[in-house]
N, C-alpha and C. Protein backbone atom coordinates (compact mmCIF):
# COMPACT_ATOMS: atom_id res chain seq x y z
N MET A 1 -44.07 26.36 -24.36
CA MET A 1 -43.11 26.30 -23.39
C MET A 1 -42.98 25.68 -22.53
N LYS A 2 -44.76 24.86 -21.96
CA LYS A 2 -43.80 23.97 -20.96
C LYS A 2 -43.28 22.78 -21.79
N GLY A 3 -43.26 22.33 -22.93
CA GLY A 3 -41.86 21.17 -23.26
C GLY A 3 -41.03 21.78 -23.19
N ASN A 4 -40.71 23.38 -23.37
CA ASN A 4 -39.17 23.32 -23.17
C ASN A 4 -38.49 23.46 -21.54
N ARG A 5 -40.05 24.04 -20.40
CA ARG A 5 -39.68 23.52 -19.42
C ARG A 5 -39.15 22.39 -18.54
N MET A 6 -40.17 21.36 -19.33
CA MET A 6 -39.17 20.15 -19.07
C MET A 6 -38.34 19.22 -19.76
N GLY A 7 -38.45 19.63 -20.75
CA GLY A 7 -36.57 19.28 -21.02
C GLY A 7 -35.68 20.10 -20.36
N SER A 8 -35.45 21.32 -19.99
CA SER A 8 -34.34 21.85 -18.87
C SER A 8 -35.24 21.41 -17.40
N ARG A 9 -36.09 20.88 -17.11
CA ARG A 9 -35.53 20.54 -15.95
C ARG A 9 -34.98 18.87 -16.19
N LEU A 10 -35.62 18.25 -17.04
CA LEU A 10 -34.99 16.92 -17.35
C LEU A 10 -33.28 16.93 -17.39
N MET A 11 -32.83 18.28 -18.47
CA MET A 11 -31.70 17.97 -18.43
C MET A 11 -31.22 18.11 -17.19
N LEU A 12 -31.73 19.59 -16.13
CA LEU A 12 -30.39 19.47 -14.76
C LEU A 12 -30.80 18.38 -13.97
N ALA A 13 -31.67 17.91 -14.37
CA ALA A 13 -31.85 16.34 -13.15
C ALA A 13 -30.81 15.53 -13.84
N TRP A 14 -31.02 14.86 -14.56
CA TRP A 14 -29.71 14.21 -15.78
C TRP A 14 -28.35 14.84 -15.07
N LEU A 15 -27.92 16.27 -15.24
CA LEU A 15 -26.64 17.00 -14.85
C LEU A 15 -26.71 16.89 -13.50
N VAL A 16 -27.26 17.06 -12.30
CA VAL A 16 -27.64 16.50 -10.94
C VAL A 16 -26.84 14.91 -11.01
N MET A 17 -27.69 14.44 -11.32
CA MET A 17 -27.40 12.82 -11.37
C MET A 17 -25.83 12.78 -11.84
N THR A 18 -25.42 13.04 -12.73
CA THR A 18 -24.08 12.70 -12.97
C THR A 18 -22.88 13.23 -12.60
N LEU A 19 -23.06 14.42 -11.76
CA LEU A 19 -22.78 14.89 -11.62
C LEU A 19 -21.94 14.31 -9.79
N LEU A 20 -23.38 14.16 -9.71
CA LEU A 20 -23.54 13.00 -7.85
C LEU A 20 -22.27 11.46 -8.31
N CYS A 21 -22.59 10.47 -9.26
CA CYS A 21 -22.27 9.68 -9.85
C CYS A 21 -20.45 9.62 -10.05
N LEU A 22 -20.21 10.75 -10.99
CA LEU A 22 -19.11 11.46 -10.94
C LEU A 22 -18.05 11.86 -9.19
N GLY A 23 -18.76 12.06 -8.34
CA GLY A 23 -18.14 12.40 -7.44
C GLY A 23 -18.57 11.36 -6.62
N GLY A 24 -18.41 10.69 -6.98
CA GLY A 24 -18.97 9.02 -5.84
C GLY A 24 -17.95 7.94 -6.40
N LEU A 25 -18.02 7.90 -7.66
CA LEU A 25 -17.00 7.14 -8.39
C LEU A 25 -15.40 7.82 -8.78
N GLY A 26 -14.79 9.00 -8.49
CA GLY A 26 -13.74 10.15 -8.97
C GLY A 26 -12.46 8.97 -9.20
N GLY A 27 -12.02 9.60 -9.11
CA GLY A 27 -10.32 9.24 -10.18
C GLY A 27 -9.37 8.16 -9.16
N CYS A 28 -10.40 7.29 -8.52
CA CYS A 28 -9.67 6.28 -7.38
C CYS A 28 -9.98 5.26 -7.09
N ALA A 29 -9.29 4.21 -7.36
CA ALA A 29 -10.20 3.08 -7.54
C ALA A 29 -9.23 2.52 -5.86
N THR A 30 -9.43 1.15 -5.56
CA THR A 30 -9.39 1.31 -4.29
C THR A 30 -9.60 -0.14 -3.91
N SER A 31 -9.50 -1.33 -3.45
CA SER A 31 -9.23 -2.46 -3.32
C SER A 31 -7.66 -3.37 -2.03
N SER A 32 -8.70 -3.81 -1.41
CA SER A 32 -7.55 -4.12 -0.35
C SER A 32 -8.46 -5.49 0.33
N ASP A 33 -7.20 -6.22 1.02
CA ASP A 33 -6.97 -7.59 1.70
C ASP A 33 -6.97 -7.91 3.07
N THR A 34 -7.27 -8.33 4.14
CA THR A 34 -6.34 -7.76 5.08
C THR A 34 -6.87 -9.00 6.13
N PHE A 35 -5.47 -9.20 6.57
CA PHE A 35 -5.75 -10.59 7.74
C PHE A 35 -4.91 -10.10 9.02
N LYS A 36 -5.56 -10.66 9.83
CA LYS A 36 -4.66 -9.53 11.51
C LYS A 36 -5.18 -11.17 12.66
N ASP A 37 -4.48 -11.40 13.14
CA ASP A 37 -3.83 -12.35 13.92
C ASP A 37 -4.61 -12.39 15.75
N ALA A 38 -5.86 -12.74 15.61
CA ALA A 38 -7.18 -12.16 16.38
C ALA A 38 -6.40 -12.56 18.25
N THR A 39 -5.37 -13.20 18.44
CA THR A 39 -4.99 -13.38 19.58
C THR A 39 -3.47 -12.73 19.52
N MET A 40 -2.72 -12.50 18.79
CA MET A 40 -1.57 -11.59 18.98
C MET A 40 -1.93 -10.12 19.32
N ASP A 41 -0.80 -9.76 20.52
CA ASP A 41 -1.03 -8.90 21.27
C ASP A 41 0.02 -7.65 20.65
N PHE A 42 -0.81 -6.93 19.63
CA PHE A 42 0.27 -6.62 18.53
C PHE A 42 1.12 -5.20 19.36
N GLY A 43 0.79 -4.91 20.40
CA GLY A 43 0.95 -3.79 21.72
C GLY A 43 2.33 -4.08 21.83
N SER A 44 2.61 -5.67 21.98
CA SER A 44 3.49 -6.06 22.52
C SER A 44 5.12 -6.17 21.04
N ILE A 45 4.91 -5.40 20.08
CA ILE A 45 5.67 -5.58 18.76
C ILE A 45 6.28 -3.88 18.35
N ARG A 46 7.27 -3.95 19.08
CA ARG A 46 7.91 -1.77 19.12
C ARG A 46 8.65 -1.71 18.48
N THR A 47 10.20 -3.06 17.86
CA THR A 47 10.58 -2.76 16.93
C THR A 47 10.75 -3.48 15.86
N VAL A 48 10.89 -3.20 14.83
CA VAL A 48 10.54 -4.24 13.25
C VAL A 48 11.81 -3.66 12.51
N ALA A 49 11.81 -4.95 11.75
CA ALA A 49 12.89 -4.59 10.23
C ALA A 49 12.25 -4.84 9.01
N VAL A 50 11.99 -3.69 8.41
CA VAL A 50 11.88 -3.85 6.97
C VAL A 50 12.56 -4.49 6.50
N LEU A 51 12.24 -5.43 5.55
CA LEU A 51 12.90 -6.32 4.62
C LEU A 51 12.60 -5.51 3.16
N PRO A 52 14.21 -5.44 2.36
CA PRO A 52 13.85 -4.84 0.75
C PRO A 52 12.08 -6.07 0.50
N LEU A 53 11.35 -4.74 0.06
CA LEU A 53 10.42 -5.58 -1.09
C LEU A 53 10.73 -6.51 -2.54
N THR A 54 9.96 -7.29 -2.75
CA THR A 54 9.95 -7.49 -4.29
C THR A 54 9.62 -7.07 -5.40
N ASN A 55 10.42 -6.94 -6.23
CA ASN A 55 9.03 -5.48 -7.18
C ASN A 55 8.92 -6.32 -8.30
N LEU A 56 7.77 -6.67 -9.06
CA LEU A 56 7.49 -6.94 -9.74
C LEU A 56 6.89 -5.87 -10.71
N THR A 57 7.38 -4.69 -11.03
CA THR A 57 7.16 -3.65 -11.43
C THR A 57 8.76 -3.41 -13.11
N LYS A 58 8.25 -2.22 -13.96
CA LYS A 58 9.40 -2.20 -14.61
C LYS A 58 10.00 -1.11 -14.20
N ASP A 59 9.38 -0.23 -12.82
CA ASP A 59 10.46 0.32 -12.11
C ASP A 59 11.28 -0.03 -11.56
N GLN A 60 12.88 -0.04 -11.62
CA GLN A 60 13.59 -0.37 -10.53
C GLN A 60 13.63 0.08 -9.86
N LEU A 61 13.53 0.94 -9.24
CA LEU A 61 13.23 1.74 -7.76
C LEU A 61 11.73 1.83 -6.99
N ALA A 62 11.08 1.13 -7.81
CA ALA A 62 9.93 1.03 -7.13
C ALA A 62 9.74 0.78 -5.57
N ALA A 63 10.16 -0.51 -5.18
CA ALA A 63 10.51 -1.07 -4.14
C ALA A 63 11.13 -0.27 -3.29
N ASP A 64 12.38 0.67 -3.59
CA ASP A 64 13.12 1.14 -2.96
C ASP A 64 11.88 1.80 -2.15
N ARG A 65 11.37 2.68 -3.00
CA ARG A 65 10.85 3.61 -2.91
C ARG A 65 9.47 3.73 -2.06
N VAL A 66 8.98 2.52 -2.04
CA VAL A 66 7.83 2.20 -1.37
C VAL A 66 7.98 1.97 0.19
N ARG A 67 9.24 0.93 0.34
CA ARG A 67 9.88 0.64 1.10
C ARG A 67 10.19 1.83 2.51
N ASP A 68 11.00 2.90 1.55
CA ASP A 68 11.12 4.27 2.40
C ASP A 68 9.84 4.88 2.98
N VAL A 69 9.12 5.41 2.17
CA VAL A 69 7.70 5.63 2.48
C VAL A 69 7.01 5.57 3.53
N PHE A 70 6.91 3.86 3.66
CA PHE A 70 6.60 2.75 4.09
C PHE A 70 7.77 2.98 5.72
N SER A 71 8.71 2.69 5.67
CA SER A 71 9.79 3.31 7.08
C SER A 71 9.44 4.79 7.64
N THR A 72 9.32 5.40 6.87
CA THR A 72 8.98 6.89 7.52
C THR A 72 8.05 6.95 8.27
N MET A 73 6.63 6.73 7.70
CA MET A 73 5.62 6.86 7.71
C MET A 73 5.27 5.74 9.06
N LEU A 74 6.21 4.34 9.22
CA LEU A 74 5.55 4.21 10.87
C LEU A 74 6.62 4.73 11.51
N ILE A 75 7.89 5.38 11.61
CA ILE A 75 8.45 6.42 12.39
C ILE A 75 7.46 7.17 12.74
N ALA A 76 6.48 7.74 12.47
CA ALA A 76 5.83 8.92 12.65
C ALA A 76 4.33 8.55 13.10
N THR A 77 4.08 7.35 13.17
CA THR A 77 2.96 6.98 14.03
C THR A 77 3.43 6.76 15.46
N GLY A 78 4.86 6.37 15.54
CA GLY A 78 5.12 6.74 17.68
C GLY A 78 5.18 5.12 17.90
N ALA A 79 4.08 4.57 17.03
CA ALA A 79 3.93 3.16 17.44
C ALA A 79 4.76 1.86 17.06
N LEU A 80 5.28 2.09 16.18
CA LEU A 80 6.60 1.50 15.70
C LEU A 80 7.84 2.32 14.87
N TYR A 81 8.77 1.17 15.48
CA TYR A 81 9.64 1.67 15.27
C TYR A 81 10.86 0.21 14.10
N PRO A 82 10.63 1.66 12.98
CA PRO A 82 11.66 0.24 11.52
C PRO A 82 13.08 1.00 12.45
N LEU A 83 13.96 -0.42 12.01
CA LEU A 83 15.14 -0.64 12.33
C LEU A 83 15.86 0.43 10.79
N PRO A 84 16.77 1.02 10.27
CA PRO A 84 17.59 1.90 9.49
C PRO A 84 18.09 0.07 8.91
N PRO A 85 17.82 0.35 7.10
CA PRO A 85 17.78 0.03 6.05
C PRO A 85 19.38 -0.82 5.96
N GLY A 86 20.55 0.04 6.59
CA GLY A 86 21.86 -1.08 6.45
C GLY A 86 21.79 -1.32 8.24
N GLU A 87 21.07 -1.32 9.37
CA GLU A 87 21.49 -2.68 10.08
C GLU A 87 20.42 -3.51 9.90
N THR A 88 19.23 -3.71 9.23
CA THR A 88 18.24 -4.51 8.52
C THR A 88 19.26 -5.85 7.95
N ALA A 89 20.03 -4.61 6.80
CA ALA A 89 20.50 -5.55 6.01
C ALA A 89 21.79 -6.50 6.52
N ARG A 90 22.45 -5.58 7.32
CA ARG A 90 23.45 -6.41 8.39
C ARG A 90 22.98 -7.69 9.10
N GLY A 91 21.87 -7.46 9.43
CA GLY A 91 21.01 -9.00 9.68
C GLY A 91 20.52 -9.83 9.15
N VAL A 92 20.20 -9.21 8.37
CA VAL A 92 20.04 -10.85 7.00
C VAL A 92 21.10 -10.72 6.73
N SER A 93 21.91 -10.50 6.43
CA SER A 93 23.61 -11.38 5.63
C SER A 93 23.86 -11.64 6.40
N SER A 94 23.74 -11.27 7.75
CA SER A 94 23.96 -12.66 8.93
C SER A 94 23.55 -13.61 9.16
N VAL A 95 22.50 -13.63 9.02
CA VAL A 95 21.05 -14.76 9.52
C VAL A 95 21.26 -15.96 7.78
N GLY A 96 21.14 -15.16 6.86
CA GLY A 96 21.20 -15.80 5.32
C GLY A 96 20.20 -15.40 5.06
N ILE A 97 19.43 -15.59 5.10
CA ILE A 97 17.78 -14.95 4.29
C ILE A 97 18.11 -15.01 3.11
N ALA A 98 17.39 -16.27 2.64
CA ALA A 98 17.04 -16.53 0.51
C ALA A 98 16.52 -16.09 -0.08
N SER A 99 14.87 -15.70 0.89
CA SER A 99 14.15 -14.94 0.31
C SER A 99 13.45 -13.97 0.83
N PHE A 100 13.65 -12.87 0.63
CA PHE A 100 13.32 -11.78 1.26
C PHE A 100 12.15 -11.77 1.55
N THR A 101 10.84 -11.76 0.61
CA THR A 101 9.28 -12.27 0.53
C THR A 101 8.41 -13.21 1.10
N ALA A 102 9.54 -14.32 1.61
CA ALA A 102 8.97 -15.37 1.96
C ALA A 102 10.01 -16.06 3.04
N PRO A 103 10.90 -15.51 4.15
CA PRO A 103 11.39 -16.06 4.81
C PRO A 103 11.56 -17.40 5.42
N THR A 104 12.17 -18.28 6.13
CA THR A 104 11.15 -19.66 6.75
C THR A 104 11.27 -18.93 8.26
N THR A 105 10.27 -19.87 8.83
CA THR A 105 10.13 -19.72 10.01
C THR A 105 11.72 -19.84 10.93
N ASP A 106 12.40 -20.48 10.96
CA ASP A 106 13.79 -20.35 11.91
C ASP A 106 14.38 -19.13 10.93
N GLU A 107 14.54 -18.41 10.04
CA GLU A 107 15.52 -17.30 9.04
C GLU A 107 14.62 -16.02 10.24
N VAL A 108 13.46 -16.00 10.22
CA VAL A 108 12.29 -14.88 11.07
C VAL A 108 13.04 -14.86 12.71
N ILE A 109 12.83 -15.95 12.68
CA ILE A 109 13.28 -16.55 14.36
C ILE A 109 14.30 -15.82 15.30
N LYS A 110 15.68 -16.47 13.76
CA LYS A 110 17.19 -15.62 14.06
C LYS A 110 17.57 -14.43 13.73
N LEU A 111 16.78 -14.16 13.25
CA LEU A 111 16.67 -12.42 12.39
C LEU A 111 16.37 -11.50 14.05
N GLY A 112 14.74 -12.27 14.50
CA GLY A 112 14.52 -11.22 15.39
C GLY A 112 15.60 -11.39 16.55
N LYS A 113 16.17 -12.71 16.55
CA LYS A 113 17.09 -12.39 18.38
C LYS A 113 18.31 -12.30 17.49
N THR A 114 18.99 -11.65 16.53
CA THR A 114 19.94 -11.03 16.36
C THR A 114 20.01 -9.45 16.18
N LEU A 115 18.75 -8.99 15.97
CA LEU A 115 19.02 -7.68 15.74
C LEU A 115 17.87 -6.98 17.24
N LYS A 116 17.49 -8.36 17.69
CA LYS A 116 16.45 -8.15 19.04
C LYS A 116 15.77 -6.83 18.56
N ILE A 117 14.26 -7.35 17.70
CA ILE A 117 13.29 -7.20 17.11
C ILE A 117 11.99 -7.55 16.93
N GLU A 118 11.28 -7.37 16.97
CA GLU A 118 9.64 -8.40 17.58
C GLU A 118 9.58 -8.93 16.88
N GLY A 119 9.81 -7.51 15.43
CA GLY A 119 8.46 -8.45 13.88
C GLY A 119 9.32 -8.18 12.89
N VAL A 120 8.88 -8.68 11.53
CA VAL A 120 10.25 -8.64 10.56
C VAL A 120 8.61 -8.77 9.53
N ILE A 121 8.79 -7.25 8.51
CA ILE A 121 8.07 -6.81 8.12
C ILE A 121 8.73 -7.13 6.11
N THR A 122 7.73 -7.87 5.36
CA THR A 122 7.94 -8.13 4.07
C THR A 122 7.35 -7.65 2.90
N GLY A 123 7.13 -8.07 1.62
CA GLY A 123 5.62 -7.32 1.01
C GLY A 123 6.88 -7.69 -0.74
N THR A 124 5.70 -7.35 -1.21
CA THR A 124 5.22 -7.43 -3.16
C THR A 124 4.50 -5.89 -2.95
N VAL A 125 5.69 -5.34 -4.11
CA VAL A 125 4.92 -4.07 -5.17
C VAL A 125 4.75 -4.94 -6.52
N ARG A 126 3.43 -4.98 -6.45
CA ARG A 126 3.15 -5.44 -8.22
C ARG A 126 2.93 -4.18 -8.88
N GLU A 127 2.37 -2.90 -8.48
CA GLU A 127 2.04 -1.93 -9.67
C GLU A 127 2.71 -1.04 -9.25
N TYR A 128 3.15 0.08 -10.07
CA TYR A 128 3.86 1.35 -9.98
C TYR A 128 3.99 2.02 -10.95
N GLY A 129 3.31 2.89 -10.91
CA GLY A 129 3.70 4.02 -12.39
C GLY A 129 2.05 3.83 -13.02
N ASP A 130 2.37 4.94 -14.25
CA ASP A 130 1.14 5.01 -14.86
C ASP A 130 1.18 3.89 -15.60
N ILE A 131 -0.49 3.98 -16.40
CA ILE A 131 -1.08 3.16 -16.63
C ILE A 131 -2.51 3.78 -17.82
N ARG A 132 -2.40 3.02 -18.85
CA ARG A 132 -2.87 3.77 -20.03
C ARG A 132 -4.25 2.83 -20.52
N SER A 133 -5.16 3.95 -21.14
CA SER A 133 -6.29 2.87 -21.42
C SER A 133 -7.14 3.81 -22.34
N GLY A 134 -7.11 3.81 -23.22
CA GLY A 134 -7.15 4.99 -24.95
C GLY A 134 -6.44 5.81 -24.56
N SER A 135 -7.17 7.07 -24.24
CA SER A 135 -6.79 8.26 -24.18
C SER A 135 -6.14 9.14 -22.88
N SER A 136 -6.90 7.94 -21.98
CA SER A 136 -6.78 8.41 -20.49
C SER A 136 -5.10 7.62 -19.83
N MET A 137 -4.54 8.16 -19.08
CA MET A 137 -3.79 7.89 -18.79
C MET A 137 -3.70 7.94 -17.12
N ALA A 138 -3.61 7.65 -16.22
CA ALA A 138 -3.22 7.96 -14.94
C ALA A 138 -1.93 6.85 -13.73
N ASP A 139 -1.94 7.70 -12.55
CA ASP A 139 -0.31 6.17 -12.04
C ASP A 139 -1.33 5.61 -10.80
N VAL A 140 -1.24 4.37 -10.85
CA VAL A 140 -1.11 3.46 -10.19
C VAL A 140 0.05 2.59 -9.31
N ILE A 141 -0.51 2.03 -7.84
CA ILE A 141 0.14 1.53 -7.07
C ILE A 141 -0.09 0.45 -6.30
N SER A 142 0.16 -1.01 -6.24
CA SER A 142 -0.21 -1.69 -5.68
C SER A 142 0.75 -2.83 -5.00
N VAL A 143 0.41 -2.53 -3.39
CA VAL A 143 1.22 -3.24 -2.66
C VAL A 143 0.48 -4.23 -1.78
N SER A 144 1.76 -4.99 -1.27
CA SER A 144 1.03 -6.33 -0.29
C SER A 144 2.00 -6.08 1.15
N LEU A 145 2.03 -6.50 2.19
CA LEU A 145 2.88 -6.12 2.97
C LEU A 145 2.09 -7.56 4.48
N GLN A 146 3.22 -8.05 5.19
CA GLN A 146 2.59 -9.19 6.02
C GLN A 146 4.08 -8.89 6.86
N MET A 147 3.41 -9.34 8.30
CA MET A 147 4.36 -9.02 9.20
C MET A 147 4.20 -10.47 10.24
N PHE A 148 5.80 -10.37 10.21
CA PHE A 148 6.07 -12.03 10.83
C PHE A 148 6.25 -11.54 12.83
N GLU A 149 5.78 -12.20 13.36
CA GLU A 149 6.45 -12.25 14.99
C GLU A 149 7.26 -12.89 15.20
N THR A 150 8.71 -12.90 15.59
CA THR A 150 10.01 -12.89 15.89
C THR A 150 9.88 -14.25 16.99
N GLN A 151 9.29 -13.93 17.46
CA GLN A 151 9.55 -15.24 18.85
C GLN A 151 9.01 -16.58 18.44
N THR A 152 7.35 -17.18 17.15
CA THR A 152 7.45 -17.99 16.50
C THR A 152 7.16 -17.98 15.41
N GLY A 153 7.72 -17.19 14.71
CA GLY A 153 8.00 -16.67 13.29
C GLY A 153 6.61 -17.13 12.46
N ARG A 154 5.23 -16.89 13.19
CA ARG A 154 4.57 -17.09 11.92
C ARG A 154 3.81 -15.61 11.98
N VAL A 155 3.38 -15.59 10.87
CA VAL A 155 2.56 -14.07 10.33
C VAL A 155 1.63 -13.94 11.31
N VAL A 156 1.45 -12.64 11.17
CA VAL A 156 0.36 -11.76 12.24
C VAL A 156 -0.30 -11.37 11.54
N TRP A 157 0.17 -10.82 10.63
CA TRP A 157 -0.72 -10.02 9.62
C TRP A 157 -0.61 -9.63 8.07
N SER A 158 -1.93 -9.54 7.42
CA SER A 158 -1.22 -9.32 5.85
C SER A 158 -1.92 -8.33 4.98
N ALA A 159 -2.25 -7.50 4.25
CA ALA A 159 -3.37 -7.01 4.10
C ALA A 159 -2.17 -6.49 2.84
N SER A 160 -3.07 -5.77 1.75
CA SER A 160 -2.56 -5.35 0.56
C SER A 160 -3.42 -4.44 0.27
N THR A 161 -3.30 -3.82 -0.82
CA THR A 161 -3.60 -2.55 -1.77
C THR A 161 -3.50 -1.94 -2.41
N THR A 162 -4.30 -1.11 -3.21
CA THR A 162 -4.52 -0.85 -5.05
C THR A 162 -4.83 0.62 -4.58
N GLN A 163 -3.81 1.78 -5.19
CA GLN A 163 -4.58 3.06 -5.28
C GLN A 163 -4.38 3.34 -6.48
N GLY A 164 -4.41 4.56 -7.00
CA GLY A 164 -4.73 5.74 -8.24
C GLY A 164 -5.60 4.39 -8.93
N GLY A 165 -4.95 4.78 -10.73
CA GLY A 165 -5.73 4.29 -11.37
C GLY A 165 -6.55 5.14 -11.92
N ILE A 166 -7.36 4.73 -13.83
CA ILE A 166 -7.83 5.16 -14.42
C ILE A 166 -9.43 5.65 -13.69
N GLY A 167 -10.28 6.51 -13.50
CA GLY A 167 -11.52 6.77 -12.76
C GLY A 167 -12.30 7.33 -13.72
N ILE A 168 -13.50 7.78 -13.93
CA ILE A 168 -14.08 8.39 -14.47
C ILE A 168 -13.52 9.31 -14.81
N MET A 169 -13.37 10.47 -13.59
CA MET A 169 -13.00 11.55 -14.51
C MET A 169 -11.98 12.02 -15.52
N GLU A 170 -10.81 10.99 -15.02
CA GLU A 170 -9.49 10.76 -16.19
C GLU A 170 -9.97 9.80 -17.48
N ARG A 171 -11.21 8.97 -17.43
CA ARG A 171 -12.08 8.81 -18.80
C ARG A 171 -12.50 10.08 -19.46
N LEU A 172 -13.60 10.37 -19.14
CA LEU A 172 -14.17 11.62 -19.43
C LEU A 172 -13.48 12.77 -19.90
N PHE A 173 -12.78 13.16 -18.95
CA PHE A 173 -12.09 14.88 -19.92
C PHE A 173 -10.40 14.40 -19.76
N GLY A 174 -9.52 13.11 -19.75
CA GLY A 174 -8.30 12.41 -20.01
C GLY A 174 -7.57 13.25 -18.45
N GLY A 175 -6.22 13.65 -19.12
CA GLY A 175 -5.53 14.16 -17.56
C GLY A 175 -4.60 12.90 -16.58
N GLY A 176 -3.82 13.25 -16.52
CA GLY A 176 -2.79 12.29 -15.21
C GLY A 176 -3.77 11.96 -14.12
N GLY A 177 -4.12 11.81 -13.52
CA GLY A 177 -4.41 11.80 -12.75
C GLY A 177 -3.96 11.94 -10.94
N LYS A 178 -3.94 11.60 -10.25
CA LYS A 178 -2.90 12.05 -9.13
C LYS A 178 -1.32 12.04 -9.10
N PRO A 179 -0.06 12.53 -8.56
CA PRO A 179 0.95 12.45 -8.42
C PRO A 179 1.22 10.96 -8.00
N LEU A 180 1.73 10.68 -8.40
CA LEU A 180 2.63 8.81 -7.97
C LEU A 180 3.08 8.98 -6.38
N ASN A 181 3.87 10.39 -5.96
CA ASN A 181 3.76 10.45 -4.34
C ASN A 181 3.20 10.50 -3.56
N GLU A 182 1.99 11.34 -4.20
CA GLU A 182 0.59 11.39 -3.03
C GLU A 182 0.14 9.77 -3.25
N ILE A 183 0.12 8.63 -4.58
CA ILE A 183 -0.88 8.56 -4.40
C ILE A 183 -0.14 6.98 -3.35
N THR A 184 1.40 7.22 -3.65
CA THR A 184 2.26 5.83 -2.41
C THR A 184 1.51 6.23 -1.20
N GLU A 185 1.68 7.92 -0.95
CA GLU A 185 1.28 8.09 0.16
C GLU A 185 -0.30 7.57 0.96
N LYS A 186 -0.71 7.85 -0.40
CA LYS A 186 -2.61 6.99 0.24
C LYS A 186 -2.30 5.69 0.68
N ALA A 187 -1.34 5.34 -0.54
CA ALA A 187 -1.47 3.88 -0.40
C ALA A 187 -0.68 3.10 0.96
N VAL A 188 0.62 3.91 1.32
CA VAL A 188 0.98 3.69 2.56
C VAL A 188 0.33 3.89 3.84
N ASN A 189 -0.39 4.69 4.05
CA ASN A 189 -1.24 4.88 4.84
C ASN A 189 -2.34 4.35 5.39
N ASP A 190 -3.32 3.83 4.18
CA ASP A 190 -3.73 2.83 4.00
C ASP A 190 -3.21 1.57 4.61
N LEU A 191 -2.08 1.25 4.75
CA LEU A 191 -2.12 -0.50 5.13
C LEU A 191 -1.16 -0.22 6.43
N ILE A 192 -1.49 1.22 7.36
CA ILE A 192 -0.67 1.49 8.06
C ILE A 192 -1.95 1.51 8.87
N TYR A 193 -2.61 2.10 8.00
CA TYR A 193 -4.35 2.32 9.11
C TYR A 193 -4.19 0.26 9.28
N LYS A 194 -4.84 0.03 8.56
CA LYS A 194 -4.89 -2.04 8.63
C LYS A 194 -4.54 -2.32 9.49
N LEU A 195 -2.99 -1.86 10.25
CA LEU A 195 -2.08 -2.50 10.76
C LEU A 195 -2.64 -2.02 12.19
N TYR A 196 -3.21 -0.80 12.49
CA TYR A 196 -3.58 -0.22 13.63
C TYR A 196 -5.14 -0.15 13.62
N GLU A 197 -6.10 -0.86 12.73
CA GLU A 197 -7.94 -0.52 12.88
C GLU A 197 -8.33 -1.96 14.12
């Protein structure tokens, strides 16, 4: 009888520890890096142009989707106004920006004067969509963004985030993790938080 109770207690302790570990490690992998220029007055940046993002994924529309969600959520903050994509495209065409990911200092300054904006945001979508590991599958998104200040053309902020992926729950029980739209919103929220933290 004593051995049976001891076995039950050990089993209960093991079950509690497993659940605690699963709760702490569950379904979402996150990594990030942030740079923020300490000398920059971010309150002076009110209007920005979000350039088309570079897409390194197999999904041809990933960059457009992320850019749209990012711009919409920026508007929702009320702190920054991103120009509509058509107006941004007109300015980019007028200035003749060769690389959306890495515009030159002169291109940033010219774009600022042409569009009457204080900031230019560029970025890259590195991962977007499902990943597999054994029998497990889940969606993941990985994005990096940077902001240029248009008076000097220098980078004043950059951040990256990775959300989603295959966690302990997916490995143990299978399943597809969270929906891609939810993960995209979480990634964008993380980037916006890093802009204002």
